[in-house]
């Protein structure tokens, strides 16, 4: 009977040991299972701000001042207007009054006394010259305001002695004086330039000075 009793006593101990090992194996299996994580979905759009740089307009550099050309005035015609002269009603109807002037143009005797070109040898070139021409009229507006000045004209002298294109090269500062000089010189006649006996077209400078002076008593 001892053998049977020993067998009956050991069976509960064996069952308890098996149960403990089963619980231990179950805990190990649970400990080695991979963890699970939950991720929040992020926004997929990206906002980009573009800052446009403002380009300042650079103003162009100022243009350099024009240099004034210095012209040599070989001769000037002086126009004298007595300040004490009274204007008659008949003269008031005229647009431009006639004023006394001092002649400074070449006379016909001076022109005839000019050397003639030689008959033989090298042909001599003669420059153009003035003839006796009526002076410009002093504009009434300039007389009333006391305007004076020098007008330098550039005139084309044709081969027949008439004036071609006449332009103002240097203004007097008063357009009314410039126009008076232009109107007069356009009607002038000149002694044309010559090469031997052959006249040809050329260009001359015509200075016209407007000046008001007191009449001598």
N, C-alpha and C. Protein backbone atom coordinates (compact mmCIF):
# COMPACT_ATOMS: atom_id res chain seq x y z
N UNK A 1 0.83 -1.20 0.00
CA UNK A 1 0.00 0.00 0.00
C UNK A 1 0.86 1.25 0.00
N UNK A 2 2.07 1.24 0.47
CA UNK A 2 2.88 2.45 0.49
C UNK A 2 3.08 3.02 -0.91
N UNK A 3 3.25 2.20 -1.91
CA UNK A 3 3.50 2.66 -3.28
C UNK A 3 2.33 3.44 -3.82
N UNK A 4 1.12 2.94 -3.58
CA UNK A 4 -0.09 3.61 -4.08
C UNK A 4 -0.30 4.94 -3.37
N UNK A 5 0.02 5.05 -2.17
CA UNK A 5 -0.16 6.29 -1.41
C UNK A 5 0.79 7.37 -1.88
N UNK A 6 2.00 7.01 -2.18
CA UNK A 6 3.00 7.98 -2.68
C UNK A 6 2.59 8.53 -4.02
N UNK A 7 2.05 7.74 -4.83
CA UNK A 7 1.62 8.18 -6.18
C UNK A 7 0.48 9.15 -6.07
N UNK A 8 -0.44 8.89 -5.13
CA UNK A 8 -1.61 9.77 -5.00
C UNK A 8 -1.17 11.12 -4.44
N UNK A 9 -0.14 11.20 -3.60
CA UNK A 9 0.31 12.47 -2.98
C UNK A 9 1.06 13.35 -3.98
N UNK A 10 1.79 12.79 -4.88
CA UNK A 10 2.60 13.59 -5.81
C UNK A 10 1.82 14.15 -6.96
N UNK A 11 0.69 13.67 -7.27
CA UNK A 11 -0.08 14.16 -8.44
C UNK A 11 -0.53 15.60 -8.25
N UNK A 12 -1.04 16.04 -7.13
CA UNK A 12 -1.41 17.48 -6.98
C UNK A 12 -0.21 18.40 -7.08
N UNK A 13 0.95 18.01 -6.58
CA UNK A 13 2.15 18.87 -6.68
C UNK A 13 2.57 19.04 -8.12
N UNK A 14 2.48 17.97 -8.89
CA UNK A 14 2.85 18.05 -10.31
C UNK A 14 1.91 18.95 -11.06
N UNK A 15 0.65 18.86 -10.75
CA UNK A 15 -0.33 19.72 -11.45
C UNK A 15 -0.11 21.19 -11.10
N UNK A 16 0.24 21.44 -9.85
CA UNK A 16 0.49 22.84 -9.47
C UNK A 16 1.71 23.39 -10.17
N UNK A 17 2.76 22.59 -10.34
CA UNK A 17 3.98 23.04 -11.03
C UNK A 17 3.70 23.34 -12.49
N UNK A 18 2.90 22.45 -13.11
CA UNK A 18 2.57 22.67 -14.53
C UNK A 18 1.78 23.96 -14.70
N UNK A 19 0.88 24.24 -13.76
CA UNK A 19 0.07 25.47 -13.86
C UNK A 19 0.93 26.72 -13.72
N UNK A 20 1.90 26.65 -12.80
CA UNK A 20 2.80 27.82 -12.62
C UNK A 20 3.61 28.08 -13.87
N UNK A 21 4.17 27.01 -14.47
CA UNK A 21 4.95 27.20 -15.70
C UNK A 21 4.10 27.73 -16.83
N UNK A 22 2.86 27.29 -16.92
CA UNK A 22 1.97 27.78 -17.99
C UNK A 22 1.71 29.27 -17.83
N UNK A 23 1.51 29.70 -16.59
CA UNK A 23 1.29 31.14 -16.38
C UNK A 23 2.53 31.96 -16.72
N UNK A 24 3.70 31.40 -16.38
CA UNK A 24 4.94 32.12 -16.69
C UNK A 24 5.15 32.26 -18.18
N UNK A 25 4.89 31.17 -18.92
CA UNK A 25 5.04 31.23 -20.39
C UNK A 25 4.05 32.20 -21.01
N UNK A 26 2.86 32.25 -20.43
CA UNK A 26 1.85 33.21 -20.96
C UNK A 26 2.29 34.65 -20.73
N UNK A 27 2.91 34.96 -19.59
CA UNK A 27 3.40 36.33 -19.34
C UNK A 27 4.53 36.73 -20.26
N UNK A 28 5.43 35.73 -20.56
CA UNK A 28 6.53 36.03 -21.49
C UNK A 28 6.02 36.34 -22.88
N UNK A 29 5.01 35.58 -23.30
CA UNK A 29 4.46 35.82 -24.65
C UNK A 29 3.83 37.20 -24.72
N UNK A 30 3.18 37.58 -23.62
CA UNK A 30 2.55 38.92 -23.61
C UNK A 30 3.59 40.03 -23.57
N UNK A 31 4.71 39.81 -22.84
CA UNK A 31 5.76 40.84 -22.74
C UNK A 31 6.47 41.07 -24.05
N UNK A 32 6.63 40.08 -24.93
CA UNK A 32 7.38 40.21 -26.19
C UNK A 32 6.50 40.60 -27.36
N UNK A 33 5.23 40.88 -27.18
CA UNK A 33 4.38 41.30 -28.31
C UNK A 33 4.74 42.74 -28.71
N UNK A 34 4.84 43.10 -30.03
CA UNK A 34 5.26 44.45 -30.49
C UNK A 34 4.26 45.50 -30.08
N UNK A 35 4.70 46.66 -29.59
CA UNK A 35 3.78 47.74 -29.21
C UNK A 35 3.16 48.39 -30.43
N UNK A 36 2.01 48.95 -30.30
CA UNK A 36 1.31 49.64 -31.38
C UNK A 36 1.18 51.12 -31.01
N UNK A 37 1.43 51.98 -32.03
CA UNK A 37 1.39 53.44 -31.82
C UNK A 37 0.34 54.05 -32.72
N UNK A 38 -0.25 55.12 -32.29
CA UNK A 38 -1.24 55.87 -33.07
C UNK A 38 -0.63 57.21 -33.46
N UNK A 39 -0.56 57.55 -34.80
CA UNK A 39 0.03 58.79 -35.32
C UNK A 39 -1.08 59.69 -35.84
N UNK A 40 -1.00 60.94 -35.45
CA UNK A 40 -1.96 61.91 -35.97
C UNK A 40 -1.55 62.34 -37.38
N UNK A 41 -2.49 62.42 -38.27
CA UNK A 41 -2.20 62.82 -39.67
C UNK A 41 -1.90 64.32 -39.71
N UNK A 42 -0.75 64.65 -40.29
CA UNK A 42 -0.35 66.06 -40.39
C UNK A 42 -0.88 66.65 -41.70
N UNK A 43 -0.98 67.99 -41.71
CA UNK A 43 -1.43 68.65 -42.93
C UNK A 43 -0.37 68.53 -44.02
N UNK A 44 -0.81 68.28 -45.25
CA UNK A 44 0.13 68.08 -46.36
C UNK A 44 0.42 69.35 -47.13
N UNK A 45 -0.34 70.42 -46.92
CA UNK A 45 -0.11 71.66 -47.68
C UNK A 45 0.91 72.53 -46.96
N UNK A 46 1.73 73.27 -47.76
CA UNK A 46 2.75 74.18 -47.23
C UNK A 46 2.46 75.57 -47.77
N UNK A 47 2.38 76.52 -46.93
CA UNK A 47 2.09 77.89 -47.34
C UNK A 47 3.39 78.65 -47.52
N UNK A 48 3.57 79.23 -48.71
CA UNK A 48 4.79 79.98 -49.04
C UNK A 48 4.37 81.41 -49.39
N UNK A 49 4.98 82.35 -48.75
CA UNK A 49 4.70 83.76 -49.02
C UNK A 49 5.83 84.33 -49.86
N UNK A 50 5.46 84.97 -51.01
CA UNK A 50 6.46 85.57 -51.92
C UNK A 50 6.42 87.08 -51.75
N UNK A 51 7.51 87.62 -51.31
CA UNK A 51 7.61 89.06 -51.10
C UNK A 51 8.29 89.65 -52.31
N UNK A 52 7.54 90.45 -53.06
CA UNK A 52 8.10 91.07 -54.26
C UNK A 52 8.88 92.32 -53.87
N UNK A 53 10.13 92.34 -54.28
CA UNK A 53 10.99 93.48 -53.95
C UNK A 53 10.66 94.65 -54.85
N UNK A 54 10.45 95.78 -54.26
CA UNK A 54 10.13 96.97 -55.03
C UNK A 54 11.42 97.59 -55.56
N UNK A 55 11.46 97.73 -56.88
CA UNK A 55 12.64 98.30 -57.53
C UNK A 55 12.40 99.78 -57.74
N UNK A 56 13.22 100.60 -57.17
CA UNK A 56 13.09 102.04 -57.35
C UNK A 56 13.65 102.46 -58.69
N UNK A 57 12.89 103.30 -59.39
CA UNK A 57 13.37 103.81 -60.67
C UNK A 57 14.42 104.88 -60.43
N UNK A 58 15.57 104.66 -61.04
CA UNK A 58 16.67 105.60 -60.90
C UNK A 58 16.52 106.66 -61.97
N UNK A 59 16.36 107.93 -61.62
CA UNK A 59 16.21 108.95 -62.66
C UNK A 59 17.47 109.08 -63.48
N UNK A 60 17.33 109.39 -64.79
CA UNK A 60 18.53 109.54 -65.62
C UNK A 60 19.35 110.74 -65.18
N UNK A 61 20.65 110.68 -65.38
CA UNK A 61 21.49 111.82 -64.99
C UNK A 61 21.14 113.05 -65.80
N UNK A 62 21.22 114.23 -65.21
CA UNK A 62 20.89 115.44 -65.96
C UNK A 62 21.83 115.65 -67.13
N UNK A 63 21.25 116.15 -68.21
CA UNK A 63 22.05 116.39 -69.40
C UNK A 63 23.05 117.51 -69.14
N UNK A 64 24.27 117.37 -69.66
CA UNK A 64 25.26 118.43 -69.44
C UNK A 64 24.82 119.71 -70.13
N UNK A 65 25.11 120.86 -69.55
CA UNK A 65 24.71 122.13 -70.18
C UNK A 65 25.41 122.33 -71.50
N UNK A 66 24.68 122.91 -72.43
CA UNK A 66 25.24 123.16 -73.74
C UNK A 66 26.25 124.31 -73.66
N UNK A 67 27.36 124.12 -74.33
CA UNK A 67 28.38 125.16 -74.35
C UNK A 67 27.99 126.23 -75.36
N UNK A 68 28.10 127.47 -74.93
CA UNK A 68 27.78 128.56 -75.82
C UNK A 68 28.94 128.78 -76.78
N UNK A 69 28.60 128.90 -78.05
CA UNK A 69 29.63 129.12 -79.05
C UNK A 69 29.95 130.61 -79.11
N UNK A 70 31.22 130.93 -79.16
CA UNK A 70 31.68 132.31 -79.23
C UNK A 70 31.95 132.62 -80.69
N UNK A 71 31.25 133.62 -81.19
CA UNK A 71 31.38 133.99 -82.59
C UNK A 71 32.12 135.31 -82.70
N UNK A 72 33.02 135.39 -83.65
CA UNK A 72 33.76 136.61 -83.91
C UNK A 72 32.94 137.53 -84.79
N UNK A 73 32.69 138.72 -84.34
CA UNK A 73 31.91 139.69 -85.08
C UNK A 73 32.87 140.68 -85.73
N UNK A 74 33.01 140.55 -87.04
CA UNK A 74 33.96 141.40 -87.74
C UNK A 74 33.41 142.82 -87.93
N UNK A 75 32.10 142.94 -88.16
CA UNK A 75 31.50 144.26 -88.33
C UNK A 75 30.09 144.23 -87.77
N UNK A 76 29.65 145.34 -87.25
CA UNK A 76 28.30 145.45 -86.71
C UNK A 76 27.68 146.74 -87.23
N UNK A 77 26.44 146.66 -87.59
CA UNK A 77 25.72 147.83 -88.08
C UNK A 77 24.98 148.46 -86.91
N UNK A 78 25.31 149.69 -86.60
CA UNK A 78 24.72 150.40 -85.48
C UNK A 78 23.49 151.17 -85.95
N UNK A 79 22.37 150.93 -85.30
CA UNK A 79 21.12 151.61 -85.64
C UNK A 79 20.77 152.54 -84.48
N UNK A 80 20.82 153.85 -84.74
CA UNK A 80 20.60 154.84 -83.69
C UNK A 80 19.17 155.36 -83.77
N UNK A 81 18.47 155.35 -82.66
CA UNK A 81 17.10 155.85 -82.58
C UNK A 81 17.06 156.96 -81.54
N UNK A 82 16.84 158.22 -81.94
CA UNK A 82 16.74 159.30 -80.95
C UNK A 82 15.57 159.07 -80.01
N UNK A 83 15.83 159.12 -78.73
CA UNK A 83 14.78 158.84 -77.76
C UNK A 83 13.78 159.97 -77.63
N UNK A 84 14.15 161.21 -78.07
CA UNK A 84 13.26 162.36 -77.91
C UNK A 84 12.37 162.60 -79.10
N UNK A 85 12.51 161.84 -80.17
CA UNK A 85 11.68 162.03 -81.36
C UNK A 85 10.24 161.69 -81.07
N UNK A 86 9.31 162.53 -81.52
CA UNK A 86 7.90 162.26 -81.37
C UNK A 86 7.37 161.56 -82.61
N UNK A 87 6.46 160.65 -82.43
CA UNK A 87 5.90 159.87 -83.53
C UNK A 87 4.62 160.54 -83.98
N UNK A 88 4.54 160.85 -85.27
CA UNK A 88 3.35 161.49 -85.83
C UNK A 88 2.24 160.47 -86.01
N UNK A 89 0.96 160.96 -86.16
CA UNK A 89 -0.14 160.01 -86.38
C UNK A 89 0.05 159.16 -87.62
N UNK A 90 0.66 159.73 -88.67
CA UNK A 90 0.88 158.93 -89.87
C UNK A 90 1.87 157.81 -89.60
N UNK A 91 2.87 158.09 -88.77
CA UNK A 91 3.85 157.06 -88.45
C UNK A 91 3.25 156.00 -87.53
N UNK A 92 2.25 156.38 -86.72
CA UNK A 92 1.65 155.41 -85.82
C UNK A 92 0.92 154.32 -86.58
N UNK A 93 0.45 154.63 -87.82
CA UNK A 93 -0.25 153.62 -88.60
C UNK A 93 0.71 152.60 -89.18
N UNK A 94 1.98 152.95 -89.23
CA UNK A 94 2.97 152.02 -89.78
C UNK A 94 3.32 150.98 -88.73
N UNK A 95 3.54 149.77 -89.19
CA UNK A 95 3.86 148.66 -88.28
C UNK A 95 5.23 148.83 -87.67
N UNK A 96 6.23 149.18 -88.51
CA UNK A 96 7.60 149.36 -88.05
C UNK A 96 8.08 150.73 -88.48
N UNK A 97 8.35 151.67 -87.56
CA UNK A 97 8.79 153.01 -87.95
C UNK A 97 10.19 152.98 -88.52
N UNK A 98 10.44 153.89 -89.47
CA UNK A 98 11.77 154.02 -90.05
C UNK A 98 12.59 154.93 -89.15
N UNK A 99 13.80 154.52 -88.82
CA UNK A 99 14.64 155.28 -87.90
C UNK A 99 15.94 155.61 -88.59
N UNK A 100 16.56 156.74 -88.22
CA UNK A 100 17.86 157.06 -88.82
C UNK A 100 18.92 156.10 -88.35
N UNK A 101 19.84 155.75 -89.23
CA UNK A 101 20.90 154.80 -88.90
C UNK A 101 22.22 155.35 -89.36
N UNK A 102 23.25 154.78 -88.82
CA UNK A 102 24.61 155.11 -89.25
C UNK A 102 25.07 154.05 -90.22
N UNK A 103 25.46 154.47 -91.39
CA UNK A 103 25.83 153.51 -92.42
C UNK A 103 27.17 152.88 -92.08
N UNK A 104 27.21 151.56 -92.23
CA UNK A 104 28.48 150.86 -92.02
C UNK A 104 28.72 149.84 -93.12
N UNK A 105 27.93 149.93 -94.21
CA UNK A 105 28.11 149.00 -95.31
C UNK A 105 29.05 149.62 -96.33
N UNK A 106 29.55 148.80 -97.20
CA UNK A 106 30.50 149.26 -98.21
C UNK A 106 29.77 150.09 -99.25
N UNK A 107 30.37 151.17 -99.67
CA UNK A 107 29.80 152.02 -100.71
C UNK A 107 30.16 151.48 -102.08
N UNK A 108 29.48 152.04 -103.10
CA UNK A 108 29.76 151.58 -104.47
C UNK A 108 31.17 151.96 -104.89
N UNK A 109 31.67 153.14 -104.39
CA UNK A 109 33.04 153.52 -104.75
C UNK A 109 34.04 152.52 -104.19
N UNK A 110 33.79 152.03 -102.96
CA UNK A 110 34.70 151.04 -102.39
C UNK A 110 34.67 149.75 -103.19
N UNK A 111 33.47 149.40 -103.68
CA UNK A 111 33.36 148.16 -104.45
C UNK A 111 34.11 148.29 -105.77
N UNK A 112 33.98 149.48 -106.42
CA UNK A 112 34.67 149.65 -107.70
C UNK A 112 36.18 149.72 -107.52
N UNK A 113 36.61 150.16 -106.31
CA UNK A 113 38.05 150.27 -106.07
C UNK A 113 38.69 148.95 -105.67
N UNK A 114 37.88 147.90 -105.56
CA UNK A 114 38.44 146.60 -105.21
C UNK A 114 39.32 146.10 -106.34
N UNK A 115 40.41 145.42 -106.01
CA UNK A 115 41.31 144.93 -107.07
C UNK A 115 40.61 143.92 -107.96
N UNK A 116 40.81 144.08 -109.25
CA UNK A 116 40.21 143.15 -110.21
C UNK A 116 41.10 141.92 -110.33
N UNK A 117 40.51 140.79 -110.64
CA UNK A 117 41.30 139.56 -110.77
C UNK A 117 42.27 139.66 -111.94
N UNK A 118 43.44 139.11 -111.82
CA UNK A 118 44.41 139.17 -112.92
C UNK A 118 43.89 138.43 -114.14
N UNK A 119 44.33 138.90 -115.30
CA UNK A 119 43.89 138.28 -116.55
C UNK A 119 44.56 136.94 -116.76
N UNK A 120 45.74 136.78 -116.31
CA UNK A 120 46.48 135.55 -116.52
C UNK A 120 46.98 135.02 -115.18
N UNK A 121 47.39 133.76 -115.21
CA UNK A 121 47.95 133.15 -114.02
C UNK A 121 46.87 132.58 -113.12
N UNK A 122 47.15 132.55 -111.81
CA UNK A 122 46.25 131.96 -110.84
C UNK A 122 45.04 132.87 -110.65
N UNK A 123 43.83 132.29 -110.70
CA UNK A 123 42.62 133.07 -110.53
C UNK A 123 42.46 133.49 -109.07
N UNK A 124 42.08 134.73 -108.86
CA UNK A 124 41.93 135.28 -107.52
C UNK A 124 40.49 135.11 -107.04
N UNK A 125 40.34 134.70 -105.77
CA UNK A 125 39.01 134.51 -105.20
C UNK A 125 38.63 135.75 -104.41
N UNK A 126 37.44 136.30 -104.69
CA UNK A 126 36.92 137.46 -103.99
C UNK A 126 35.78 137.03 -103.08
N UNK A 127 35.83 137.47 -101.84
CA UNK A 127 34.80 137.12 -100.88
C UNK A 127 33.58 138.01 -101.08
N UNK A 128 32.40 137.55 -100.64
CA UNK A 128 31.20 138.37 -100.80
C UNK A 128 31.26 139.62 -99.93
N UNK A 129 30.51 140.64 -100.34
CA UNK A 129 30.51 141.89 -99.60
C UNK A 129 29.10 142.49 -99.65
N UNK A 130 28.88 143.51 -98.78
CA UNK A 130 27.59 144.18 -98.73
C UNK A 130 27.48 145.21 -99.84
N UNK A 131 26.27 145.49 -100.25
CA UNK A 131 25.95 146.63 -101.09
C UNK A 131 25.16 147.63 -100.25
N UNK A 132 24.74 148.72 -100.87
CA UNK A 132 23.95 149.71 -100.14
C UNK A 132 22.52 149.18 -99.99
N UNK A 133 22.13 148.87 -98.78
CA UNK A 133 20.84 148.26 -98.52
C UNK A 133 20.07 149.08 -97.48
N UNK A 134 18.75 149.05 -97.53
CA UNK A 134 17.96 149.78 -96.52
C UNK A 134 18.12 149.12 -95.15
N UNK A 135 18.24 149.92 -94.11
CA UNK A 135 18.42 149.35 -92.77
C UNK A 135 17.11 148.77 -92.25
N UNK A 136 17.18 147.88 -91.28
CA UNK A 136 15.95 147.37 -90.66
C UNK A 136 15.21 148.49 -89.93
N UNK A 137 13.90 148.37 -89.88
CA UNK A 137 13.08 149.32 -89.12
C UNK A 137 13.06 148.90 -87.65
N UNK A 138 13.14 149.90 -86.79
CA UNK A 138 13.13 149.61 -85.35
C UNK A 138 11.70 149.34 -84.93
N UNK A 139 11.38 148.18 -84.39
CA UNK A 139 9.99 147.86 -84.03
C UNK A 139 9.46 148.81 -82.96
N UNK A 140 8.18 149.20 -83.10
CA UNK A 140 7.57 150.12 -82.15
C UNK A 140 7.55 149.53 -80.73
N UNK A 141 7.24 148.22 -80.63
CA UNK A 141 7.18 147.61 -79.30
C UNK A 141 8.52 147.69 -78.60
N UNK A 142 9.61 147.51 -79.36
CA UNK A 142 10.94 147.60 -78.76
C UNK A 142 11.26 149.03 -78.34
N UNK A 143 10.79 150.01 -79.12
CA UNK A 143 11.01 151.40 -78.74
C UNK A 143 10.28 151.75 -77.45
N UNK A 144 9.05 151.28 -77.34
CA UNK A 144 8.26 151.61 -76.15
C UNK A 144 8.85 151.01 -74.88
N UNK A 145 9.47 149.83 -75.01
CA UNK A 145 10.03 149.16 -73.83
C UNK A 145 11.53 149.40 -73.67
N UNK A 146 12.14 150.10 -74.64
CA UNK A 146 13.57 150.35 -74.54
C UNK A 146 14.42 149.13 -74.78
N UNK A 147 13.96 148.22 -75.62
CA UNK A 147 14.71 146.99 -75.88
C UNK A 147 15.82 147.26 -76.88
N UNK A 148 17.00 146.77 -76.59
CA UNK A 148 18.17 146.90 -77.46
C UNK A 148 18.88 145.55 -77.52
N UNK A 149 19.73 145.38 -78.52
CA UNK A 149 20.48 144.13 -78.59
C UNK A 149 21.12 143.93 -79.95
N UNK A 150 21.97 142.91 -80.01
CA UNK A 150 22.69 142.56 -81.24
C UNK A 150 22.14 141.25 -81.77
N UNK A 151 21.76 141.25 -83.04
CA UNK A 151 21.28 140.05 -83.73
C UNK A 151 22.35 139.62 -84.72
N UNK A 152 22.81 138.39 -84.62
CA UNK A 152 23.80 137.88 -85.56
C UNK A 152 23.10 136.90 -86.49
N UNK A 153 23.06 137.26 -87.77
CA UNK A 153 22.39 136.46 -88.79
C UNK A 153 23.42 135.74 -89.63
N UNK A 154 23.03 134.60 -90.18
CA UNK A 154 23.83 133.89 -91.18
C UNK A 154 23.01 133.84 -92.45
N UNK A 155 23.54 134.46 -93.51
CA UNK A 155 22.81 134.60 -94.76
C UNK A 155 23.54 133.89 -95.89
N UNK A 156 22.77 133.25 -96.75
CA UNK A 156 23.32 132.64 -97.95
C UNK A 156 23.26 133.68 -99.07
N UNK A 157 24.39 133.93 -99.69
CA UNK A 157 24.47 134.87 -100.81
C UNK A 157 24.55 134.05 -102.09
N UNK A 158 23.52 134.17 -102.91
CA UNK A 158 23.49 133.41 -104.17
C UNK A 158 24.47 134.01 -105.17
N UNK A 159 24.66 133.30 -106.27
CA UNK A 159 25.59 133.77 -107.29
C UNK A 159 25.11 135.05 -107.95
N UNK A 160 23.79 135.31 -107.93
CA UNK A 160 23.27 136.55 -108.52
C UNK A 160 23.23 137.70 -107.53
N UNK A 161 23.72 137.49 -106.31
CA UNK A 161 23.78 138.56 -105.32
C UNK A 161 22.58 138.66 -104.41
N UNK A 162 21.53 137.88 -104.64
CA UNK A 162 20.36 137.93 -103.77
C UNK A 162 20.59 137.06 -102.53
N UNK A 163 19.78 137.33 -101.51
CA UNK A 163 19.89 136.57 -100.26
C UNK A 163 19.06 135.29 -100.37
N UNK A 164 19.67 134.17 -99.98
CA UNK A 164 18.96 132.90 -99.95
C UNK A 164 18.38 132.66 -98.56
N UNK A 165 18.79 131.58 -97.94
CA UNK A 165 18.33 131.26 -96.59
C UNK A 165 19.02 132.18 -95.58
N UNK A 166 18.22 132.80 -94.74
CA UNK A 166 18.73 133.67 -93.68
C UNK A 166 18.20 133.14 -92.35
N UNK A 167 19.09 132.86 -91.42
CA UNK A 167 18.70 132.31 -90.12
C UNK A 167 19.36 133.13 -89.02
N UNK A 168 18.75 133.07 -87.83
CA UNK A 168 19.32 133.74 -86.66
C UNK A 168 20.35 132.82 -86.03
N UNK A 169 21.58 133.27 -86.02
CA UNK A 169 22.65 132.47 -85.42
C UNK A 169 22.81 132.78 -83.93
N UNK A 170 22.67 134.04 -83.57
CA UNK A 170 22.69 134.46 -82.16
C UNK A 170 21.58 135.47 -81.95
N UNK A 171 20.67 135.16 -81.04
CA UNK A 171 19.52 136.03 -80.80
C UNK A 171 19.91 137.24 -79.97
N UNK A 172 19.15 138.32 -80.14
CA UNK A 172 19.34 139.52 -79.32
C UNK A 172 18.71 139.37 -77.95
N UNK A 173 17.90 138.34 -77.78
CA UNK A 173 17.16 138.18 -76.54
C UNK A 173 15.73 138.67 -76.65
N UNK A 174 15.40 139.32 -77.77
CA UNK A 174 14.05 139.83 -78.01
C UNK A 174 13.60 139.36 -79.38
N UNK A 175 12.62 138.47 -79.46
CA UNK A 175 12.17 137.96 -80.76
C UNK A 175 11.73 139.05 -81.72
N UNK A 176 11.18 140.16 -81.21
CA UNK A 176 10.72 141.22 -82.10
C UNK A 176 11.89 141.86 -82.84
N UNK A 177 13.03 141.99 -82.19
CA UNK A 177 14.22 142.51 -82.86
C UNK A 177 14.78 141.50 -83.85
N UNK A 178 14.76 140.23 -83.48
CA UNK A 178 15.26 139.19 -84.39
C UNK A 178 14.43 139.16 -85.67
N UNK A 179 13.11 139.24 -85.54
CA UNK A 179 12.26 139.19 -86.73
C UNK A 179 12.46 140.42 -87.62
N UNK A 180 12.65 141.58 -87.01
CA UNK A 180 12.88 142.79 -87.80
C UNK A 180 14.17 142.69 -88.61
N UNK A 181 15.22 142.15 -88.01
CA UNK A 181 16.47 141.98 -88.74
C UNK A 181 16.32 140.95 -89.85
N UNK A 182 15.61 139.86 -89.59
CA UNK A 182 15.41 138.83 -90.62
C UNK A 182 14.65 139.38 -91.81
N UNK A 183 13.55 140.10 -91.56
CA UNK A 183 12.74 140.62 -92.67
C UNK A 183 13.55 141.55 -93.56
N UNK A 184 14.41 142.34 -92.96
CA UNK A 184 15.18 143.31 -93.74
C UNK A 184 16.29 142.64 -94.54
N UNK A 185 17.06 141.77 -93.91
CA UNK A 185 18.21 141.16 -94.58
C UNK A 185 17.77 140.22 -95.70
N UNK A 186 16.59 139.62 -95.57
CA UNK A 186 16.10 138.75 -96.64
C UNK A 186 15.90 139.50 -97.95
N UNK A 187 15.73 140.83 -97.87
CA UNK A 187 15.52 141.64 -99.08
C UNK A 187 16.81 142.31 -99.56
N UNK A 188 17.89 142.12 -98.86
CA UNK A 188 19.14 142.77 -99.23
C UNK A 188 19.74 142.13 -100.48
N UNK A 189 20.64 142.90 -101.09
CA UNK A 189 21.45 142.40 -102.20
C UNK A 189 22.92 142.52 -101.80
N UNK A 190 23.70 141.56 -102.28
CA UNK A 190 25.12 141.49 -101.93
C UNK A 190 25.96 141.42 -103.19
N UNK A 191 27.23 141.69 -103.00
CA UNK A 191 28.21 141.44 -104.05
C UNK A 191 28.67 140.00 -103.89
N UNK A 192 28.33 139.10 -104.81
CA UNK A 192 28.61 137.67 -104.60
C UNK A 192 30.11 137.38 -104.62
N UNK A 193 30.45 136.28 -104.03
CA UNK A 193 31.84 135.81 -104.09
C UNK A 193 32.17 135.39 -105.51
N UNK A 194 33.44 135.55 -105.86
CA UNK A 194 33.87 135.23 -107.23
C UNK A 194 35.17 134.46 -107.19
N UNK A 195 35.29 133.61 -108.15
CA UNK A 195 36.56 132.94 -108.42
C UNK A 195 36.95 133.33 -109.83
N UNK A 196 37.85 134.30 -109.90
CA UNK A 196 38.12 134.89 -111.21
C UNK A 196 36.93 135.75 -111.62
N UNK A 197 36.35 135.43 -112.75
CA UNK A 197 35.15 136.13 -113.23
C UNK A 197 33.88 135.34 -112.98
N UNK A 198 33.97 134.23 -112.29
CA UNK A 198 32.81 133.35 -112.11
C UNK A 198 32.25 133.55 -110.71
N UNK A 199 31.02 134.07 -110.57
CA UNK A 199 30.41 134.19 -109.24
C UNK A 199 29.90 132.84 -108.74
N UNK A 200 29.89 132.67 -107.43
CA UNK A 200 29.38 131.42 -106.86
C UNK A 200 28.70 131.72 -105.53
N UNK A 201 27.88 130.78 -105.08
CA UNK A 201 27.12 130.95 -103.84
C UNK A 201 28.03 130.78 -102.63
N UNK A 202 27.76 131.55 -101.58
CA UNK A 202 28.56 131.50 -100.36
C UNK A 202 27.68 131.90 -99.18
N UNK A 203 28.28 131.90 -97.99
CA UNK A 203 27.56 132.24 -96.76
C UNK A 203 28.33 133.32 -96.01
N UNK A 204 27.59 134.31 -95.49
CA UNK A 204 28.21 135.40 -94.74
C UNK A 204 27.47 135.58 -93.42
N UNK A 205 28.14 136.23 -92.48
CA UNK A 205 27.52 136.62 -91.22
C UNK A 205 27.14 138.09 -91.28
N UNK A 206 25.94 138.40 -90.84
CA UNK A 206 25.43 139.77 -90.87
C UNK A 206 25.05 140.17 -89.44
N UNK A 207 25.87 140.94 -88.74
CA UNK A 207 25.49 141.42 -87.41
C UNK A 207 24.66 142.70 -87.51
N UNK A 208 23.56 142.75 -86.83
CA UNK A 208 22.67 143.92 -86.82
C UNK A 208 22.45 144.31 -85.36
N UNK A 209 22.86 145.55 -85.03
CA UNK A 209 22.72 146.02 -83.65
C UNK A 209 21.63 147.08 -83.58
N UNK A 210 20.70 146.86 -82.65
CA UNK A 210 19.64 147.83 -82.37
C UNK A 210 20.02 148.58 -81.10
N UNK A 211 20.09 149.94 -81.21
CA UNK A 211 20.49 150.74 -80.06
C UNK A 211 19.69 152.04 -80.05
N UNK A 212 19.23 152.42 -78.89
CA UNK A 212 18.48 153.67 -78.72
C UNK A 212 19.40 154.67 -78.03
N UNK A 213 19.55 155.85 -78.64
CA UNK A 213 20.40 156.89 -78.07
C UNK A 213 19.60 158.18 -78.00
N UNK A 214 20.02 159.06 -77.12
CA UNK A 214 19.36 160.36 -77.01
C UNK A 214 19.83 161.27 -78.14
N UNK A 215 18.91 162.03 -78.68
CA UNK A 215 19.25 162.95 -79.76
C UNK A 215 20.05 164.12 -79.20
N UNK A 216 21.08 164.51 -79.96
CA UNK A 216 21.91 165.64 -79.53
C UNK A 216 21.16 166.94 -79.75
N UNK A 217 21.31 167.89 -78.84
CA UNK A 217 20.62 169.18 -78.93
C UNK A 217 21.63 170.31 -79.11
